[in-house]
């Protein structure tokens, strides 16, 4: 099954495609002026290492040199892995030339809402 979530920002759009891959999940996040594959994060749910009942996550990251998509992809992969208790891969990239701090904050709020 595949689900698509779209968010319009004041300066562009974000698209998140969530695909079931057997018992696992694949997230593809694209948007901005130059959508690309800037980062891939693999998040694996596991029991907490502190003994709490909260699900922990172990993540591995592949990042394109010079790209800053890790914060978004890591957040999305880890949140979905933790919440759904499924191995989750998030791939994606969002780019806007000369992005401002206010615009970055807008992207982060949209990503949190989408996930």
N, C-alpha and C. Protein backbone atom coordinates (compact mmCIF):
# COMPACT_ATOMS: atom_id res chain seq x y z
N UNK A 1 0.84 -1.18 0.00
CA UNK A 1 0.00 0.00 0.00
C UNK A 1 0.89 1.25 0.00
N UNK A 2 0.46 2.29 -0.68
CA UNK A 2 1.20 3.55 -0.72
C UNK A 2 0.26 4.69 -0.36
N UNK A 3 0.77 5.58 0.50
CA UNK A 3 0.01 6.77 0.89
C UNK A 3 0.85 7.99 0.57
N UNK A 4 0.21 9.06 0.14
CA UNK A 4 0.91 10.30 -0.16
C UNK A 4 0.33 11.42 0.69
N UNK A 5 1.23 12.17 1.32
CA UNK A 5 0.85 13.32 2.13
C UNK A 5 1.55 14.53 1.54
N UNK A 6 0.81 15.59 1.28
CA UNK A 6 1.39 16.81 0.72
C UNK A 6 1.12 17.98 1.64
N UNK A 7 2.10 18.86 1.73
CA UNK A 7 1.96 20.08 2.50
C UNK A 7 2.46 21.24 1.66
N UNK A 8 1.65 22.30 1.60
CA UNK A 8 2.07 23.53 0.93
C UNK A 8 2.66 24.45 1.97
N UNK A 9 3.85 24.94 1.67
CA UNK A 9 4.53 25.90 2.52
C UNK A 9 4.40 27.28 1.88
N UNK A 10 4.82 28.30 2.59
CA UNK A 10 4.72 29.65 2.03
C UNK A 10 5.65 29.85 0.84
N UNK A 11 6.59 28.93 0.63
CA UNK A 11 7.61 29.10 -0.41
C UNK A 11 7.83 27.84 -1.25
N UNK A 12 6.96 26.84 -1.11
CA UNK A 12 7.14 25.61 -1.88
C UNK A 12 6.28 24.49 -1.30
N UNK A 13 6.47 23.29 -1.81
CA UNK A 13 5.67 22.15 -1.38
C UNK A 13 6.57 21.03 -0.88
N UNK A 14 6.01 20.21 0.01
CA UNK A 14 6.64 18.98 0.48
C UNK A 14 5.72 17.82 0.13
N UNK A 15 6.30 16.71 -0.31
CA UNK A 15 5.52 15.50 -0.59
C UNK A 15 6.19 14.34 0.13
N UNK A 16 5.39 13.58 0.87
CA UNK A 16 5.85 12.39 1.56
C UNK A 16 5.07 11.20 1.03
N UNK A 17 5.79 10.22 0.46
CA UNK A 17 5.18 8.97 0.03
C UNK A 17 5.59 7.90 1.02
N UNK A 18 4.60 7.22 1.60
CA UNK A 18 4.84 6.14 2.55
C UNK A 18 4.41 4.85 1.87
N UNK A 19 5.36 3.93 1.73
CA UNK A 19 5.10 2.67 1.04
C UNK A 19 5.37 1.50 1.98
N UNK A 20 4.39 0.59 2.08
CA UNK A 20 4.61 -0.65 2.81
C UNK A 20 5.45 -1.56 1.93
N UNK A 21 6.52 -2.09 2.51
CA UNK A 21 7.39 -3.02 1.81
C UNK A 21 7.41 -4.28 2.67
N UNK A 22 6.48 -5.19 2.40
CA UNK A 22 6.31 -6.33 3.29
C UNK A 22 5.91 -5.82 4.66
N UNK A 23 6.67 -6.16 5.68
CA UNK A 23 6.39 -5.69 7.03
C UNK A 23 7.15 -4.40 7.37
N UNK A 24 7.88 -3.86 6.42
CA UNK A 24 8.70 -2.67 6.64
C UNK A 24 8.06 -1.46 5.97
N UNK A 25 8.69 -0.28 6.18
CA UNK A 25 8.18 0.96 5.60
C UNK A 25 9.28 1.68 4.84
N UNK A 26 8.91 2.30 3.72
CA UNK A 26 9.81 3.20 3.00
C UNK A 26 9.13 4.56 2.92
N UNK A 27 9.86 5.60 3.33
CA UNK A 27 9.39 6.98 3.24
C UNK A 27 10.22 7.70 2.20
N UNK A 28 9.57 8.42 1.30
CA UNK A 28 10.27 9.23 0.31
C UNK A 28 9.78 10.66 0.46
N UNK A 29 10.67 11.54 0.89
CA UNK A 29 10.35 12.95 1.08
C UNK A 29 11.00 13.77 -0.02
N UNK A 30 10.20 14.57 -0.72
CA UNK A 30 10.73 15.44 -1.77
C UNK A 30 10.09 16.81 -1.65
N UNK A 31 10.77 17.80 -2.20
CA UNK A 31 10.18 19.13 -2.20
C UNK A 31 11.19 20.21 -2.47
N UNK A 32 10.67 21.43 -2.45
CA UNK A 32 11.51 22.59 -2.70
C UNK A 32 11.75 22.80 -4.19
N UNK A 33 12.72 23.63 -4.47
CA UNK A 33 13.05 23.98 -5.86
C UNK A 33 13.80 22.86 -6.58
N UNK A 34 14.55 22.07 -5.81
CA UNK A 34 15.37 21.02 -6.40
C UNK A 34 15.23 19.73 -5.60
N UNK A 35 14.14 18.99 -5.79
CA UNK A 35 14.02 17.71 -5.08
C UNK A 35 15.19 16.80 -5.46
N UNK A 36 15.66 16.02 -4.51
CA UNK A 36 16.82 15.17 -4.76
C UNK A 36 16.89 14.08 -3.70
N UNK A 37 17.85 13.20 -3.84
CA UNK A 37 18.10 12.17 -2.83
C UNK A 37 19.39 12.56 -2.11
N UNK A 38 19.23 13.35 -1.05
CA UNK A 38 20.37 13.85 -0.31
C UNK A 38 20.76 12.98 0.86
N UNK A 39 19.83 12.13 1.30
CA UNK A 39 20.11 11.34 2.50
C UNK A 39 19.22 10.10 2.52
N UNK A 40 19.74 9.04 3.11
CA UNK A 40 18.96 7.84 3.38
C UNK A 40 19.24 7.42 4.82
N UNK A 41 18.17 7.18 5.58
CA UNK A 41 18.30 6.73 6.96
C UNK A 41 17.55 5.42 7.13
N UNK A 42 18.23 4.43 7.69
CA UNK A 42 17.62 3.15 8.05
C UNK A 42 17.44 3.16 9.55
N UNK A 43 16.19 3.02 10.02
CA UNK A 43 15.89 3.02 11.45
C UNK A 43 15.29 1.67 11.83
N UNK A 44 15.90 1.04 12.85
CA UNK A 44 15.48 -0.29 13.28
C UNK A 44 14.98 -0.19 14.72
N UNK A 45 13.70 -0.51 14.96
CA UNK A 45 13.19 -0.44 16.34
C UNK A 45 13.78 -1.57 17.18
N UNK A 46 13.93 -1.30 18.48
CA UNK A 46 14.50 -2.29 19.41
C UNK A 46 14.04 -1.93 20.81
N UNK A 47 14.16 -2.86 21.75
CA UNK A 47 13.85 -2.52 23.14
C UNK A 47 14.81 -1.43 23.63
N UNK A 48 14.33 -0.60 24.52
CA UNK A 48 15.15 0.46 25.09
C UNK A 48 16.40 -0.10 25.74
N UNK A 49 17.51 0.59 25.59
CA UNK A 49 18.75 0.18 26.22
C UNK A 49 18.80 0.59 27.69
N UNK A 50 17.87 1.47 28.10
CA UNK A 50 17.84 1.93 29.49
C UNK A 50 16.89 1.11 30.34
N UNK A 51 16.20 0.16 29.73
CA UNK A 51 15.26 -0.66 30.48
C UNK A 51 13.87 -0.06 30.56
N UNK A 52 13.67 1.13 30.02
CA UNK A 52 12.32 1.72 30.03
C UNK A 52 11.44 0.98 29.04
N UNK A 53 10.16 1.20 29.13
CA UNK A 53 9.22 0.53 28.22
C UNK A 53 9.16 1.20 26.86
N UNK A 54 9.81 2.35 26.72
CA UNK A 54 9.81 3.09 25.46
C UNK A 54 10.65 2.33 24.42
N UNK A 55 10.17 2.29 23.20
CA UNK A 55 10.91 1.64 22.11
C UNK A 55 12.09 2.51 21.72
N UNK A 56 13.25 1.89 21.61
CA UNK A 56 14.44 2.58 21.13
C UNK A 56 14.59 2.36 19.63
N UNK A 57 15.53 3.04 19.04
CA UNK A 57 15.78 2.93 17.61
C UNK A 57 17.29 2.98 17.37
N UNK A 58 17.77 2.11 16.52
CA UNK A 58 19.16 2.19 16.04
C UNK A 58 19.10 2.63 14.59
N UNK A 59 19.89 3.67 14.26
CA UNK A 59 19.83 4.23 12.91
C UNK A 59 21.19 4.21 12.23
N UNK A 60 21.15 4.06 10.91
CA UNK A 60 22.33 4.18 10.07
C UNK A 60 22.02 5.23 9.00
N UNK A 61 23.00 6.04 8.67
CA UNK A 61 22.78 7.17 7.77
C UNK A 61 23.76 7.14 6.60
N UNK A 62 23.23 7.39 5.40
CA UNK A 62 24.04 7.64 4.21
C UNK A 62 23.70 9.04 3.75
N UNK A 63 24.70 9.90 3.70
CA UNK A 63 24.47 11.30 3.38
C UNK A 63 25.29 11.70 2.16
N UNK A 64 24.67 12.45 1.26
CA UNK A 64 25.42 13.02 0.14
C UNK A 64 26.29 14.15 0.70
N UNK A 65 27.51 14.25 0.22
CA UNK A 65 28.42 15.28 0.66
C UNK A 65 27.79 16.66 0.47
N UNK A 66 27.82 17.44 1.52
CA UNK A 66 27.33 18.82 1.45
C UNK A 66 25.83 18.97 1.63
N UNK A 67 25.10 17.88 1.78
CA UNK A 67 23.66 17.97 1.94
C UNK A 67 23.30 17.96 3.42
N UNK A 68 22.20 18.61 3.76
CA UNK A 68 21.80 18.74 5.16
C UNK A 68 20.43 18.13 5.39
N UNK A 69 20.11 17.11 4.63
CA UNK A 69 18.80 16.47 4.73
C UNK A 69 18.71 15.46 5.87
N UNK A 70 19.83 15.17 6.51
CA UNK A 70 19.83 14.14 7.55
C UNK A 70 18.87 14.45 8.69
N UNK A 71 18.81 15.68 9.14
CA UNK A 71 17.94 16.01 10.28
C UNK A 71 16.49 15.64 9.99
N UNK A 72 16.03 15.94 8.79
CA UNK A 72 14.65 15.65 8.42
C UNK A 72 14.45 14.15 8.24
N UNK A 73 15.32 13.51 7.46
CA UNK A 73 15.16 12.08 7.18
C UNK A 73 15.33 11.24 8.45
N UNK A 74 16.28 11.60 9.30
CA UNK A 74 16.48 10.85 10.54
C UNK A 74 15.25 10.97 11.44
N UNK A 75 14.74 12.18 11.59
CA UNK A 75 13.55 12.39 12.42
C UNK A 75 12.40 11.52 11.92
N UNK A 76 12.14 11.57 10.62
CA UNK A 76 11.00 10.84 10.05
C UNK A 76 11.18 9.33 10.20
N UNK A 77 12.36 8.82 9.87
CA UNK A 77 12.60 7.38 9.95
C UNK A 77 12.49 6.89 11.39
N UNK A 78 13.10 7.62 12.32
CA UNK A 78 13.08 7.18 13.71
C UNK A 78 11.69 7.26 14.32
N UNK A 79 10.96 8.31 14.03
CA UNK A 79 9.60 8.44 14.57
C UNK A 79 8.68 7.33 14.06
N UNK A 80 8.76 7.04 12.76
CA UNK A 80 7.90 5.99 12.21
C UNK A 80 8.32 4.62 12.73
N UNK A 81 9.62 4.36 12.82
CA UNK A 81 10.09 3.06 13.33
C UNK A 81 9.62 2.87 14.77
N UNK A 82 9.74 3.90 15.57
CA UNK A 82 9.34 3.84 16.97
C UNK A 82 7.82 3.65 17.10
N UNK A 83 7.07 4.46 16.37
CA UNK A 83 5.61 4.43 16.49
C UNK A 83 5.00 3.16 15.91
N UNK A 84 5.49 2.73 14.75
CA UNK A 84 4.90 1.58 14.06
C UNK A 84 5.58 0.26 14.41
N UNK A 85 6.73 0.35 15.10
CA UNK A 85 7.54 -0.82 15.43
C UNK A 85 7.88 -1.61 14.17
N UNK A 86 8.34 -0.87 13.16
CA UNK A 86 8.71 -1.46 11.87
C UNK A 86 10.05 -0.90 11.43
N UNK A 87 10.84 -1.74 10.76
CA UNK A 87 12.06 -1.24 10.13
C UNK A 87 11.62 -0.20 9.11
N UNK A 88 12.26 0.97 9.16
CA UNK A 88 11.85 2.09 8.31
C UNK A 88 13.05 2.71 7.62
N UNK A 89 12.92 2.96 6.32
CA UNK A 89 13.93 3.69 5.56
C UNK A 89 13.29 4.99 5.10
N UNK A 90 14.00 6.10 5.33
CA UNK A 90 13.55 7.39 4.80
C UNK A 90 14.62 7.89 3.85
N UNK A 91 14.20 8.20 2.65
CA UNK A 91 15.08 8.72 1.62
C UNK A 91 14.51 10.05 1.15
N UNK A 92 15.37 11.01 0.88
CA UNK A 92 14.81 12.23 0.34
C UNK A 92 15.73 13.41 0.36
N UNK A 93 15.14 14.51 -0.05
CA UNK A 93 15.87 15.76 -0.07
C UNK A 93 14.95 16.91 -0.38
N UNK A 94 15.22 18.01 0.28
CA UNK A 94 14.45 19.24 0.13
C UNK A 94 15.46 20.36 -0.06
N UNK A 95 15.32 21.14 -1.11
CA UNK A 95 16.28 22.20 -1.34
C UNK A 95 15.58 23.47 -1.81
N UNK A 96 15.98 24.58 -1.17
CA UNK A 96 15.56 25.92 -1.59
C UNK A 96 16.81 26.79 -1.52
N UNK A 97 17.14 27.46 -2.61
CA UNK A 97 18.30 28.36 -2.60
C UNK A 97 18.08 29.47 -1.58
N UNK A 98 19.10 29.79 -0.83
CA UNK A 98 19.08 30.90 0.13
C UNK A 98 17.95 30.79 1.15
N UNK A 99 17.69 29.57 1.61
CA UNK A 99 16.61 29.35 2.57
C UNK A 99 16.91 30.13 3.86
N UNK A 100 15.85 30.69 4.45
CA UNK A 100 16.00 31.46 5.68
C UNK A 100 15.72 30.58 6.90
N UNK A 101 16.09 31.06 8.06
CA UNK A 101 15.81 30.34 9.31
C UNK A 101 14.31 30.16 9.48
N UNK A 102 13.53 31.17 9.17
CA UNK A 102 12.07 31.09 9.27
C UNK A 102 11.52 30.00 8.36
N UNK A 103 12.05 29.90 7.15
CA UNK A 103 11.61 28.87 6.21
C UNK A 103 12.02 27.47 6.69
N UNK A 104 13.22 27.34 7.25
CA UNK A 104 13.65 26.05 7.81
C UNK A 104 12.70 25.63 8.92
N UNK A 105 12.35 26.56 9.79
CA UNK A 105 11.40 26.25 10.87
C UNK A 105 10.05 25.81 10.31
N UNK A 106 9.62 26.44 9.23
CA UNK A 106 8.35 26.06 8.58
C UNK A 106 8.42 24.63 8.03
N UNK A 107 9.55 24.27 7.43
CA UNK A 107 9.75 22.91 6.92
C UNK A 107 9.69 21.91 8.08
N UNK A 108 10.40 22.20 9.16
CA UNK A 108 10.43 21.29 10.31
C UNK A 108 9.05 21.09 10.92
N UNK A 109 8.26 22.15 11.03
CA UNK A 109 6.89 22.01 11.54
C UNK A 109 6.04 21.17 10.61
N UNK A 110 6.19 21.36 9.31
CA UNK A 110 5.43 20.57 8.34
C UNK A 110 5.81 19.09 8.42
N UNK A 111 7.11 18.82 8.54
CA UNK A 111 7.57 17.42 8.64
C UNK A 111 7.00 16.76 9.89
N UNK A 112 7.02 17.45 11.00
CA UNK A 112 6.45 16.89 12.24
C UNK A 112 4.97 16.61 12.08
N UNK A 113 4.27 17.50 11.41
CA UNK A 113 2.83 17.31 11.18
C UNK A 113 2.58 16.13 10.23
N UNK A 114 3.40 15.99 9.21
CA UNK A 114 3.22 14.93 8.23
C UNK A 114 3.46 13.54 8.81
N UNK A 115 4.43 13.44 9.70
CA UNK A 115 4.80 12.14 10.23
C UNK A 115 3.83 11.71 11.31
